[in-house]
Amino acid sequence: MAIYRVYATEDGESHMEELNLADYPDLHSMMNVGEVKVQWWTEPRVMDFHPLPDRRLIIHLSGETEITVSDGISHIFRAGDCRLMEDTSGKGHSHVDSGPNSAAYIFLQD
């Protein structure tokens, strides 16, 4: 299991970094949760670069998803991997599923 953060900088570029969970104590308590969803997709999704409308933590449950950020870094997420998605502005990220997959979405309130 790994947890990654996807975020935008002031120049509009998006970046990805692996997180040490100990450095993010706010994720331990999840006090600012607005909604939780579990979703399943039977068909692969392909999405060009886009920012998200809100911050969210995504926990992959099955399948594989490749996320690419505008600085060129990409990572394939598998079951058990987590993404803290904070790229709510700028160029955002692209998203490609390799096949059917499922994930839990935890929408975070600021």
PDB file of N, CA and C in Angstrom:
ATOM      1  N   MET A   1       0.842  -1.180   0.000  1.00  0.00           N
ATOM      2  CA  MET A   1       0.000   0.000   0.000  1.00  0.00           C
ATOM      3  C   MET A   1       0.882   1.235   0.000  1.00  0.00           C
ATOM      4  N   ALA A   2       0.492   2.202  -0.810  1.00  0.00           N
ATOM      5  CA  ALA A   2       1.196   3.480  -0.851  1.00  0.00           C
ATOM      6  C   ALA A   2       0.152   4.586  -0.897  1.00  0.00           C
ATOM      7  N   ILE A   3       0.529   5.751  -0.432  1.00  0.00           N
ATOM      8  CA  ILE A   3      -0.357   6.907  -0.517  1.00  0.00           C
ATOM      9  C   ILE A   3       0.402   8.019  -1.222  1.00  0.00           C
ATOM     10  N   TYR A   4      -0.260   8.628  -2.196  1.00  0.00           N
ATOM     11  CA  TYR A   4       0.325   9.688  -3.003  1.00  0.00           C
ATOM     12  C   TYR A   4      -0.549  10.925  -2.929  1.00  0.00           C
ATOM     13  N   ARG A   5       0.065  12.066  -3.049  1.00  0.00           N
ATOM     14  CA  ARG A   5      -0.634  13.345  -3.093  1.00  0.00           C
ATOM     15  C   ARG A   5      -0.472  13.926  -4.493  1.00  0.00           C
ATOM     16  N   VAL A   6      -1.591  14.334  -5.092  1.00  0.00           N
ATOM     17  CA  VAL A   6      -1.600  15.034  -6.374  1.00  0.00           C
ATOM     18  C   VAL A   6      -2.045  16.460  -6.070  1.00  0.00           C
ATOM     19  N   TYR A   7      -1.236  17.435  -6.479  1.00  0.00           N
ATOM     20  CA  TYR A   7      -1.513  18.821  -6.111  1.00  0.00           C
ATOM     21  C   TYR A   7      -1.071  19.767  -7.225  1.00  0.00           C
ATOM     22  N   ALA A   8      -1.612  20.974  -7.197  1.00  0.00           N
ATOM     23  CA  ALA A   8      -1.261  22.008  -8.172  1.00  0.00           C
ATOM     24  C   ALA A   8      -0.414  23.078  -7.495  1.00  0.00           C
ATOM     25  N   THR A   9       0.507  23.658  -8.262  1.00  0.00           N
ATOM     26  CA  THR A   9       1.287  24.790  -7.780  1.00  0.00           C
ATOM     27  C   THR A   9       0.742  26.066  -8.420  1.00  0.00           C
ATOM     28  N   GLU A  10       1.225  27.202  -7.957  1.00  0.00           N
ATOM     29  CA  GLU A  10       0.699  28.488  -8.424  1.00  0.00           C
ATOM     30  C   GLU A  10       0.850  28.700  -9.923  1.00  0.00           C
ATOM     31  N   ASP A  11       1.816  28.021 -10.555  1.00  0.00           N
ATOM     32  CA  ASP A  11       2.008  28.176 -12.002  1.00  0.00           C
ATOM     33  C   ASP A  11       1.039  27.313 -12.815  1.00  0.00           C
ATOM     34  N   GLY A  12       0.132  26.588 -12.143  1.00  0.00           N
ATOM     35  CA  GLY A  12      -0.872  25.785 -12.823  1.00  0.00           C
ATOM     36  C   GLY A  12      -0.451  24.362 -13.117  1.00  0.00           C
ATOM     37  N   GLU A  13       0.802  24.026 -12.840  1.00  0.00           N
ATOM     38  CA  GLU A  13       1.272  22.664 -13.085  1.00  0.00           C
ATOM     39  C   GLU A  13       0.814  21.749 -11.952  1.00  0.00           C
ATOM     40  N   SER A  14       0.601  20.485 -12.289  1.00  0.00           N
ATOM     41  CA  SER A  14       0.250  19.503 -11.270  1.00  0.00           C
ATOM     42  C   SER A  14       1.438  18.586 -11.031  1.00  0.00           C
ATOM     43  N   HIS A  15       1.531  18.082  -9.806  1.00  0.00           N
ATOM     44  CA  HIS A  15       2.654  17.272  -9.368  1.00  0.00           C
ATOM     45  C   HIS A  15       2.135  16.117  -8.516  1.00  0.00           C
ATOM     46  N   MET A  16       2.978  15.088  -8.350  1.00  0.00           N
ATOM     47  CA  MET A  16       2.624  13.935  -7.532  1.00  0.00           C
ATOM     48  C   MET A  16       3.809  13.611  -6.623  1.00  0.00           C
ATOM     49  N   GLU A  17       3.494  13.320  -5.363  1.00  0.00           N
ATOM     50  CA  GLU A  17       4.532  12.926  -4.419  1.00  0.00           C
ATOM     51  C   GLU A  17       4.022  11.795  -3.546  1.00  0.00           C
ATOM     52  N   GLU A  18       4.926  10.884  -3.194  1.00  0.00           N
ATOM     53  CA  GLU A  18       4.560   9.837  -2.251  1.00  0.00           C
ATOM     54  C   GLU A  18       4.596  10.433  -0.852  1.00  0.00           C
ATOM     55  N   LEU A  19       3.597  10.103  -0.043  1.00  0.00           N
ATOM     56  CA  LEU A  19       3.486  10.672   1.293  1.00  0.00           C
ATOM     57  C   LEU A  19       3.926   9.684   2.359  1.00  0.00           C
ATOM     58  N   ASN A  20       4.503  10.243   3.403  1.00  0.00           N
ATOM     59  CA  ASN A  20       4.717   9.514   4.640  1.00  0.00           C
ATOM     60  C   ASN A  20       3.517   9.859   5.509  1.00  0.00           C
ATOM     61  N   LEU A  21       2.690   8.889   5.778  1.00  0.00           N
ATOM     62  CA  LEU A  21       1.439   9.135   6.493  1.00  0.00           C
ATOM     63  C   LEU A  21       1.653   9.841   7.827  1.00  0.00           C
ATOM     64  N   ALA A  22       2.778   9.621   8.461  1.00  0.00           N
ATOM     65  CA  ALA A  22       3.066  10.268   9.745  1.00  0.00           C
ATOM     66  C   ALA A  22       3.155  11.791   9.606  1.00  0.00           C
ATOM     67  N   ASP A  23       3.442  12.277   8.396  1.00  0.00           N
ATOM     68  CA  ASP A  23       3.532  13.720   8.167  1.00  0.00           C
ATOM     69  C   ASP A  23       2.173  14.370   7.921  1.00  0.00           C
ATOM     70  N   TYR A  24       1.098  13.585   7.875  1.00  0.00           N
ATOM     71  CA  TYR A  24      -0.239  14.104   7.586  1.00  0.00           C
ATOM     72  C   TYR A  24      -1.222  13.636   8.654  1.00  0.00           C
ATOM     73  N   PRO A  25      -1.094  14.161   9.874  1.00  0.00           N
ATOM     74  CA  PRO A  25      -1.949  13.694  10.974  1.00  0.00           C
ATOM     75  C   PRO A  25      -3.437  13.946  10.730  1.00  0.00           C
ATOM     76  N   ASP A  26      -3.782  14.928   9.884  1.00  0.00           N
ATOM     77  CA  ASP A  26      -5.194  15.184   9.620  1.00  0.00           C
ATOM     78  C   ASP A  26      -5.858  14.009   8.902  1.00  0.00           C
ATOM     79  N   LEU A  27      -5.084  13.170   8.214  1.00  0.00           N
ATOM     80  CA  LEU A  27      -5.649  11.992   7.573  1.00  0.00           C
ATOM     81  C   LEU A  27      -5.933  10.868   8.562  1.00  0.00           C
ATOM     82  N   HIS A  28      -5.345  10.930   9.738  1.00  0.00           N
ATOM     83  CA  HIS A  28      -5.569   9.902  10.750  1.00  0.00           C
ATOM     84  C   HIS A  28      -6.981   9.983  11.306  1.00  0.00           C
ATOM     85  N   SER A  29      -7.507  11.185  11.475  1.00  0.00           N
ATOM     86  CA  SER A  29      -8.801  11.333  12.125  1.00  0.00           C
ATOM     87  C   SER A  29      -9.947  11.553  11.139  1.00  0.00           C
ATOM     88  N   MET A  30      -9.658  12.036   9.940  1.00  0.00           N
ATOM     89  CA  MET A  30     -10.678  12.269   8.913  1.00  0.00           C
ATOM     90  C   MET A  30     -11.881  13.047   9.465  1.00  0.00           C
ATOM     91  N   MET A  31     -11.608  14.151  10.121  1.00  0.00           N
ATOM     92  CA  MET A  31     -12.664  14.957  10.735  1.00  0.00           C
ATOM     93  C   MET A  31     -13.430  15.805   9.729  1.00  0.00           C
ATOM     94  N   ASN A  32     -12.853  16.096   8.584  1.00  0.00           N
ATOM     95  CA  ASN A  32     -13.486  16.999   7.636  1.00  0.00           C
ATOM     96  C   ASN A  32     -14.070  16.257   6.441  1.00  0.00           C
ATOM     97  N   VAL A  33     -14.785  15.189   6.703  1.00  0.00           N
ATOM     98  CA  VAL A  33     -15.372  14.371   5.645  1.00  0.00           C
ATOM     99  C   VAL A  33     -16.764  14.897   5.318  1.00  0.00           C
ATOM    100  N   GLY A  34     -17.004  15.117   4.037  1.00  0.00           N
ATOM    101  CA  GLY A  34     -18.313  15.576   3.604  1.00  0.00           C
ATOM    102  C   GLY A  34     -19.197  14.441   3.122  1.00  0.00           C
ATOM    103  N   GLU A  35     -18.606  13.464   2.419  1.00  0.00           N
ATOM    104  CA  GLU A  35     -19.368  12.365   1.836  1.00  0.00           C
ATOM    105  C   GLU A  35     -18.408  11.213   1.551  1.00  0.00           C
ATOM    106  N   VAL A  36     -18.918   9.999   1.584  1.00  0.00           N
ATOM    107  CA  VAL A  36     -18.138   8.820   1.232  1.00  0.00           C
ATOM    108  C   VAL A  36     -18.945   8.025   0.205  1.00  0.00           C
ATOM    109  N   LYS A  37     -18.278   7.603  -0.879  1.00  0.00           N
ATOM    110  CA  LYS A  37     -18.925   6.802  -1.917  1.00  0.00           C
ATOM    111  C   LYS A  37     -18.017   5.624  -2.265  1.00  0.00           C
ATOM    112  N   VAL A  38     -18.614   4.503  -2.591  1.00  0.00           N
ATOM    113  CA  VAL A  38     -17.886   3.387  -3.176  1.00  0.00           C
ATOM    114  C   VAL A  38     -18.472   3.207  -4.572  1.00  0.00           C
ATOM    115  N   GLN A  39     -17.588   3.210  -5.577  1.00  0.00           N
ATOM    116  CA  GLN A  39     -18.061   3.116  -6.955  1.00  0.00           C
ATOM    117  C   GLN A  39     -17.341   2.007  -7.699  1.00  0.00           C
ATOM    118  N   TRP A  40     -18.062   1.408  -8.664  1.00  0.00           N
ATOM    119  CA  TRP A  40     -17.539   0.346  -9.507  1.00  0.00           C
ATOM    120  C   TRP A  40     -17.770   0.734 -10.954  1.00  0.00           C
ATOM    121  N   TRP A  41     -16.745   0.588 -11.773  1.00  0.00           N
ATOM    122  CA  TRP A  41     -16.870   0.860 -13.211  1.00  0.00           C
ATOM    123  C   TRP A  41     -16.605  -0.426 -13.957  1.00  0.00           C
ATOM    124  N   THR A  42     -17.536  -0.827 -14.801  1.00  0.00           N
ATOM    125  CA  THR A  42     -17.378  -2.049 -15.580  1.00  0.00           C
ATOM    126  C   THR A  42     -16.597  -1.803 -16.860  1.00  0.00           C
ATOM    127  N   GLU A  43     -16.565  -0.567 -17.311  1.00  0.00           N
ATOM    128  CA  GLU A  43     -15.834  -0.192 -18.521  1.00  0.00           C
ATOM    129  C   GLU A  43     -14.669   0.718 -18.146  1.00  0.00           C
ATOM    130  N   PRO A  44     -13.533   0.577 -18.813  1.00  0.00           N
ATOM    131  CA  PRO A  44     -12.401   1.476 -18.537  1.00  0.00           C
ATOM    132  C   PRO A  44     -12.764   2.926 -18.870  1.00  0.00           C
ATOM    133  N   ARG A  45     -12.243   3.843 -18.069  1.00  0.00           N
ATOM    134  CA  ARG A  45     -12.438   5.278 -18.315  1.00  0.00           C
ATOM    135  C   ARG A  45     -11.118   5.881 -18.761  1.00  0.00           C
ATOM    136  N   VAL A  46     -11.197   6.787 -19.732  1.00  0.00           N
ATOM    137  CA  VAL A  46     -10.037   7.537 -20.207  1.00  0.00           C
ATOM    138  C   VAL A  46     -10.425   9.004 -20.143  1.00  0.00           C
ATOM    139  N   MET A  47      -9.702   9.780 -19.324  1.00  0.00           N
ATOM    140  CA  MET A  47     -10.004  11.201 -19.167  1.00  0.00           C
ATOM    141  C   MET A  47      -8.740  12.016 -19.406  1.00  0.00           C
ATOM    142  N   ASP A  48      -8.850  13.023 -20.265  1.00  0.00           N
ATOM    143  CA  ASP A  48      -7.734  13.924 -20.522  1.00  0.00           C
ATOM    144  C   ASP A  48      -7.489  14.780 -19.279  1.00  0.00           C
ATOM    145  N   PHE A  49      -6.491  15.638 -19.318  1.00  0.00           N
ATOM    146  CA  PHE A  49      -6.134  16.464 -18.166  1.00  0.00           C
ATOM    147  C   PHE A  49      -7.320  17.289 -17.680  1.00  0.00           C
ATOM    148  N   HIS A  50      -7.527  17.253 -16.377  1.00  0.00           N
ATOM    149  CA  HIS A  50      -8.628  17.984 -15.745  1.00  0.00           C
ATOM    150  C   HIS A  50      -8.326  18.161 -14.261  1.00  0.00           C
ATOM    151  N   PRO A  51      -8.688  19.310 -13.680  1.00  0.00           N
ATOM    152  CA  PRO A  51      -8.621  19.451 -12.225  1.00  0.00           C
ATOM    153  C   PRO A  51      -9.912  18.883 -11.624  1.00  0.00           C
ATOM    154  N   LEU A  52      -9.893  18.622 -10.338  1.00  0.00           N
ATOM    155  CA  LEU A  52     -11.089  18.148  -9.653  1.00  0.00           C
ATOM    156  C   LEU A  52     -11.827  19.319  -9.001  1.00  0.00           C
ATOM    157  N   PRO A  53     -13.130  19.196  -8.801  1.00  0.00           N
ATOM    158  CA  PRO A  53     -13.889  20.288  -8.179  1.00  0.00           C
ATOM    159  C   PRO A  53     -13.711  20.368  -6.668  1.00  0.00           C
ATOM    160  N   ASP A  54     -13.145  19.304  -6.057  1.00  0.00           N
ATOM    161  CA  ASP A  54     -12.998  19.284  -4.601  1.00  0.00           C
ATOM    162  C   ASP A  54     -11.848  18.357  -4.206  1.00  0.00           C
ATOM    163  N   ARG A  55     -11.387  18.526  -2.978  1.00  0.00           N
ATOM    164  CA  ARG A  55     -10.345  17.644  -2.450  1.00  0.00           C
ATOM    165  C   ARG A  55     -10.970  16.312  -2.083  1.00  0.00           C
ATOM    166  N   ARG A  56     -10.232  15.219  -2.321  1.00  0.00           N
ATOM    167  CA  ARG A  56     -10.752  13.899  -1.979  1.00  0.00           C
ATOM    168  C   ARG A  56      -9.619  12.904  -1.773  1.00  0.00           C
ATOM    169  N   LEU A  57      -9.902  11.924  -0.972  1.00  0.00           N
ATOM    170  CA  LEU A  57      -9.010  10.804  -0.789  1.00  0.00           C
ATOM    171  C   LEU A  57      -9.654   9.634  -1.522  1.00  0.00           C
ATOM    172  N   ILE A  58      -8.901   9.002  -2.420  1.00  0.00           N
ATOM    173  CA  ILE A  58      -9.411   7.869  -3.189  1.00  0.00           C
ATOM    174  C   ILE A  58      -8.623   6.629  -2.787  1.00  0.00           C
ATOM    175  N   ILE A  59      -9.343   5.602  -2.386  1.00  0.00           N
ATOM    176  CA  ILE A  59      -8.727   4.337  -2.009  1.00  0.00           C
ATOM    177  C   ILE A  59      -9.117   3.313  -3.073  1.00  0.00           C
ATOM    178  N   HIS A  60      -8.129   2.810  -3.774  1.00  0.00           N
ATOM    179  CA  HIS A  60      -8.383   1.846  -4.845  1.00  0.00           C
ATOM    180  C   HIS A  60      -8.710   0.484  -4.240  1.00  0.00           C
ATOM    181  N   LEU A  61      -9.801  -0.109  -4.705  1.00  0.00           N
ATOM    182  CA  LEU A  61     -10.254  -1.396  -4.183  1.00  0.00           C
ATOM    183  C   LEU A  61      -9.966  -2.552  -5.134  1.00  0.00           C
ATOM    184  N   SER A  62     -10.026  -2.281  -6.447  1.00  0.00           N
ATOM    185  CA  SER A  62      -9.734  -3.316  -7.439  1.00  0.00           C
ATOM    186  C   SER A  62      -9.334  -2.659  -8.754  1.00  0.00           C
ATOM    187  N   GLY A  63      -8.684  -3.414  -9.619  1.00  0.00           N
ATOM    188  CA  GLY A  63      -8.279  -2.908 -10.922  1.00  0.00           C
ATOM    189  C   GLY A  63      -7.022  -2.067 -10.853  1.00  0.00           C
ATOM    190  N   GLU A  64      -6.708  -1.424 -11.996  1.00  0.00           N
ATOM    191  CA  GLU A  64      -5.536  -0.551 -12.095  1.00  0.00           C
ATOM    192  C   GLU A  64      -5.926   0.743 -12.792  1.00  0.00           C
ATOM    193  N   THR A  65      -5.392   1.850 -12.289  1.00  0.00           N
ATOM    194  CA  THR A  65      -5.632   3.171 -12.864  1.00  0.00           C
ATOM    195  C   THR A  65      -4.305   3.894 -12.965  1.00  0.00           C
ATOM    196  N   GLU A  66      -4.019   4.428 -14.145  1.00  0.00           N
ATOM    197  CA  GLU A  66      -2.804   5.229 -14.322  1.00  0.00           C
ATOM    198  C   GLU A  66      -3.171   6.706 -14.258  1.00  0.00           C
ATOM    199  N   ILE A  67      -2.508   7.421 -13.363  1.00  0.00           N
ATOM    200  CA  ILE A  67      -2.682   8.858 -13.212  1.00  0.00           C
ATOM    201  C   ILE A  67      -1.391   9.525 -13.678  1.00  0.00           C
ATOM    202  N   THR A  68      -1.537  10.542 -14.541  1.00  0.00           N
ATOM    203  CA  THR A  68      -0.394  11.316 -15.019  1.00  0.00           C
ATOM    204  C   THR A  68      -0.642  12.774 -14.674  1.00  0.00           C
ATOM    205  N   VAL A  69       0.364  13.426 -14.122  1.00  0.00           N
ATOM    206  CA  VAL A  69       0.254  14.850 -13.795  1.00  0.00           C
ATOM    207  C   VAL A  69       0.970  15.660 -14.867  1.00  0.00           C
ATOM    208  N   SER A  70       0.722  16.972 -14.896  1.00  0.00           N
ATOM    209  CA  SER A  70       1.213  17.801 -16.004  1.00  0.00           C
ATOM    210  C   SER A  70       2.728  17.931 -16.045  1.00  0.00           C
ATOM    211  N   ASP A  71       3.416  17.627 -14.935  1.00  0.00           N
ATOM    212  CA  ASP A  71       4.883  17.677 -14.999  1.00  0.00           C
ATOM    213  C   ASP A  71       5.476  16.404 -15.614  1.00  0.00           C
ATOM    214  N   GLY A  72       4.606  15.465 -16.052  1.00  0.00           N
ATOM    215  CA  GLY A  72       5.046  14.274 -16.759  1.00  0.00           C
ATOM    216  C   GLY A  72       5.153  13.016 -15.919  1.00  0.00           C
ATOM    217  N   ILE A  73       5.027  13.123 -14.609  1.00  0.00           N
ATOM    218  CA  ILE A  73       5.112  11.960 -13.723  1.00  0.00           C
ATOM    219  C   ILE A  73       3.814  11.160 -13.829  1.00  0.00           C
ATOM    220  N   SER A  74       3.934   9.834 -13.880  1.00  0.00           N
ATOM    221  CA  SER A  74       2.744   8.990 -13.862  1.00  0.00           C
ATOM    222  C   SER A  74       2.958   7.847 -12.880  1.00  0.00           C
ATOM    223  N   HIS A  75       1.842   7.297 -12.426  1.00  0.00           N
ATOM    224  CA  HIS A  75       1.883   6.194 -11.476  1.00  0.00           C
ATOM    225  C   HIS A  75       0.664   5.312 -11.711  1.00  0.00           C
ATOM    226  N   ILE A  76       0.846   4.005 -11.599  1.00  0.00           N
ATOM    227  CA  ILE A  76      -0.272   3.068 -11.697  1.00  0.00           C
ATOM    228  C   ILE A  76      -0.710   2.704 -10.287  1.00  0.00           C
ATOM    229  N   PHE A  77      -1.983   2.952 -10.006  1.00  0.00           N
ATOM    230  CA  PHE A  77      -2.565   2.670  -8.699  1.00  0.00           C
ATOM    231  C   PHE A  77      -3.311   1.347  -8.757  1.00  0.00           C
ATOM    232  N   ARG A  78      -3.103   0.532  -7.719  1.00  0.00           N
ATOM    233  CA  ARG A  78      -3.710  -0.791  -7.611  1.00  0.00           C
ATOM    234  C   ARG A  78      -4.464  -0.895  -6.286  1.00  0.00           C
ATOM    235  N   ALA A  79      -5.144  -2.008  -6.091  1.00  0.00           N
ATOM    236  CA  ALA A  79      -5.918  -2.218  -4.864  1.00  0.00           C
ATOM    237  C   ALA A  79      -5.055  -1.947  -3.634  1.00  0.00           C
ATOM    238  N   GLY A  80      -5.576  -1.145  -2.725  1.00  0.00           N
ATOM    239  CA  GLY A  80      -4.875  -0.784  -1.497  1.00  0.00           C
ATOM    240  C   GLY A  80      -4.149   0.539  -1.575  1.00  0.00           C
ATOM    241  N   ASP A  81      -3.856   1.019  -2.778  1.00  0.00           N
ATOM    242  CA  ASP A  81      -3.183   2.317  -2.927  1.00  0.00           C
ATOM    243  C   ASP A  81      -4.182   3.447  -2.705  1.00  0.00           C
ATOM    244  N   CYS A  82      -3.676   4.575  -2.213  1.00  0.00           N
ATOM    245  CA  CYS A  82      -4.507   5.742  -1.929  1.00  0.00           C
ATOM    246  C   CYS A  82      -3.961   6.960  -2.665  1.00  0.00           C
ATOM    247  N   ARG A  83      -4.883   7.846  -3.058  1.00  0.00           N
ATOM    248  CA  ARG A  83      -4.507   9.120  -3.667  1.00  0.00           C
ATOM    249  C   ARG A  83      -5.192  10.251  -2.907  1.00  0.00           C
ATOM    250  N   LEU A  84      -4.413  11.181  -2.390  1.00  0.00           N
ATOM    251  CA  LEU A  84      -4.952  12.413  -1.832  1.00  0.00           C
ATOM    252  C   LEU A  84      -4.971  13.409  -2.978  1.00  0.00           C
ATOM    253  N   MET A  85      -6.146  13.680  -3.514  1.00  0.00           N
ATOM    254  CA  MET A  85      -6.283  14.505  -4.709  1.00  0.00           C
ATOM    255  C   MET A  85      -6.571  15.947  -4.302  1.00  0.00           C
ATOM    256  N   GLU A  86      -5.580  16.807  -4.531  1.00  0.00           N
ATOM    257  CA  GLU A  86      -5.709  18.221  -4.171  1.00  0.00           C
ATOM    258  C   GLU A  86      -5.468  19.130  -5.373  1.00  0.00           C
ATOM    259  N   ASP A  87      -5.553  18.599  -6.578  1.00  0.00           N
ATOM    260  CA  ASP A  87      -5.355  19.419  -7.775  1.00  0.00           C
ATOM    261  C   ASP A  87      -6.696  20.006  -8.230  1.00  0.00           C
ATOM    262  N   THR A  88      -7.176  20.968  -7.449  1.00  0.00           N
ATOM    263  CA  THR A  88      -8.474  21.589  -7.721  1.00  0.00           C
ATOM    264  C   THR A  88      -8.362  22.828  -8.599  1.00  0.00           C
ATOM    265  N   SER A  89      -7.172  23.107  -9.085  1.00  0.00           N
ATOM    266  CA  SER A  89      -6.956  24.228 -10.007  1.00  0.00           C
ATOM    267  C   SER A  89      -5.837  23.828 -10.964  1.00  0.00           C
ATOM    268  N   GLY A  90      -5.617  24.649 -11.960  1.00  0.00           N
ATOM    269  CA  GLY A  90      -4.527  24.388 -12.894  1.00  0.00           C
ATOM    270  C   GLY A  90      -4.870  23.328 -13.922  1.00  0.00           C
ATOM    271  N   LYS A  91      -3.846  22.686 -14.462  1.00  0.00           N
ATOM    272  CA  LYS A  91      -4.012  21.713 -15.549  1.00  0.00           C
ATOM    273  C   LYS A  91      -4.612  20.397 -15.087  1.00  0.00           C
ATOM    274  N   GLY A  92      -4.401  20.037 -13.831  1.00  0.00           N
ATOM    275  CA  GLY A  92      -4.962  18.805 -13.311  1.00  0.00           C
ATOM    276  C   GLY A  92      -4.167  17.577 -13.707  1.00  0.00           C
ATOM    277  N   HIS A  93      -4.862  16.457 -13.864  1.00  0.00           N
ATOM    278  CA  HIS A  93      -4.246  15.166 -14.129  1.00  0.00           C
ATOM    279  C   HIS A  93      -5.052  14.431 -15.190  1.00  0.00           C
ATOM    280  N   SER A  94      -4.415  13.447 -15.833  1.00  0.00           N
ATOM    281  CA  SER A  94      -5.155  12.562 -16.728  1.00  0.00           C
ATOM    282  C   SER A  94      -5.362  11.232 -16.018  1.00  0.00           C
ATOM    283  N   HIS A  95      -6.325  10.466 -16.511  1.00  0.00           N
ATOM    284  CA  HIS A  95      -6.771   9.251 -15.826  1.00  0.00           C
ATOM    285  C   HIS A  95      -7.049   8.191 -16.882  1.00  0.00           C
ATOM    286  N   VAL A  96      -6.433   7.007 -16.738  1.00  0.00           N
ATOM    287  CA  VAL A  96      -6.676   5.898 -17.661  1.00  0.00           C
ATOM    288  C   VAL A  96      -6.829   4.613 -16.845  1.00  0.00           C
ATOM    289  N   ASP A  97      -7.987   3.970 -16.970  1.00  0.00           N
ATOM    290  CA  ASP A  97      -8.208   2.669 -16.334  1.00  0.00           C
ATOM    291  C   ASP A  97      -7.746   1.577 -17.280  1.00  0.00           C
ATOM    292  N   SER A  98      -7.155   0.510 -16.741  1.00  0.00           N
ATOM    293  CA  SER A  98      -6.731  -0.613 -17.582  1.00  0.00           C
ATOM    294  C   SER A  98      -7.868  -1.609 -17.795  1.00  0.00           C
ATOM    295  N   GLY A  99      -8.930  -1.478 -17.039  1.00  0.00           N
ATOM    296  CA  GLY A  99     -10.082  -2.370 -17.131  1.00  0.00           C
ATOM    297  C   GLY A  99     -11.071  -2.012 -16.044  1.00  0.00           C
ATOM    298  N   PRO A 100     -12.012  -2.895 -15.749  1.00  0.00           N
ATOM    299  CA  PRO A 100     -12.967  -2.628 -14.670  1.00  0.00           C
ATOM    300  C   PRO A 100     -12.223  -2.358 -13.360  1.00  0.00           C
ATOM    301  N   ASN A 101     -12.797  -1.485 -12.541  1.00  0.00           N
ATOM    302  CA  ASN A 101     -12.161  -1.181 -11.261  1.00  0.00           C
ATOM    303  C   ASN A 101     -13.177  -0.624 -10.290  1.00  0.00           C
ATOM    304  N   SER A 102     -12.763  -0.550  -9.038  1.00  0.00           N
ATOM    305  CA  SER A 102     -13.607   0.038  -8.005  1.00  0.00           C
ATOM    306  C   SER A 102     -12.737   0.855  -7.049  1.00  0.00           C
ATOM    307  N   ALA A 103     -13.380   1.821  -6.395  1.00  0.00           N
ATOM    308  CA  ALA A 103     -12.654   2.700  -5.474  1.00  0.00           C
ATOM    309  C   ALA A 103     -13.627   3.290  -4.461  1.00  0.00           C
ATOM    310  N   ALA A 104     -13.088   3.613  -3.301  1.00  0.00           N
ATOM    311  CA  ALA A 104     -13.831   4.360  -2.283  1.00  0.00           C
ATOM    312  C   ALA A 104     -13.388   5.809  -2.373  1.00  0.00           C
ATOM    313  N   TYR A 105     -14.353   6.716  -2.414  1.00  0.00           N
ATOM    314  CA  TYR A 105     -14.093   8.150  -2.505  1.00  0.00           C
ATOM    315  C   TYR A 105     -14.501   8.791  -1.188  1.00  0.00           C
ATOM    316  N   ILE A 106     -13.573   9.499  -0.592  1.00  0.00           N
ATOM    317  CA  ILE A 106     -13.834  10.236   0.643  1.00  0.00           C
ATOM    318  C   ILE A 106     -13.649  11.707   0.307  1.00  0.00           C
ATOM    319  N   PHE A 107     -14.760  12.436   0.254  1.00  0.00           N
ATOM    320  CA  PHE A 107     -14.730  13.849  -0.129  1.00  0.00           C
ATOM    321  C   PHE A 107     -14.411  14.679   1.112  1.00  0.00           C
ATOM    322  N   LEU A 108     -13.385  15.505   1.012  1.00  0.00           N
ATOM    323  CA  LEU A 108     -12.885  16.273   2.143  1.00  0.00           C
ATOM    324  C   LEU A 108     -13.370  17.714   2.082  1.00  0.00           C
ATOM    325  N   GLN A 109     -13.780  18.221   3.224  1.00  0.00           N
ATOM    326  CA  GLN A 109     -14.194  19.609   3.327  1.00  0.00           C
ATOM    327  C   GLN A 109     -13.026  20.425   3.842  1.00  0.00           C
ATOM    328  N   ASP A 110     -12.886  21.621   3.340  1.00  0.00           N
ATOM    329  CA  ASP A 110     -11.787  22.500   3.801  1.00  0.00           C
ATOM    330  C   ASP A 110     -12.137  23.188   5.090  1.00  0.00           C
TER     331      ASP A 110
END
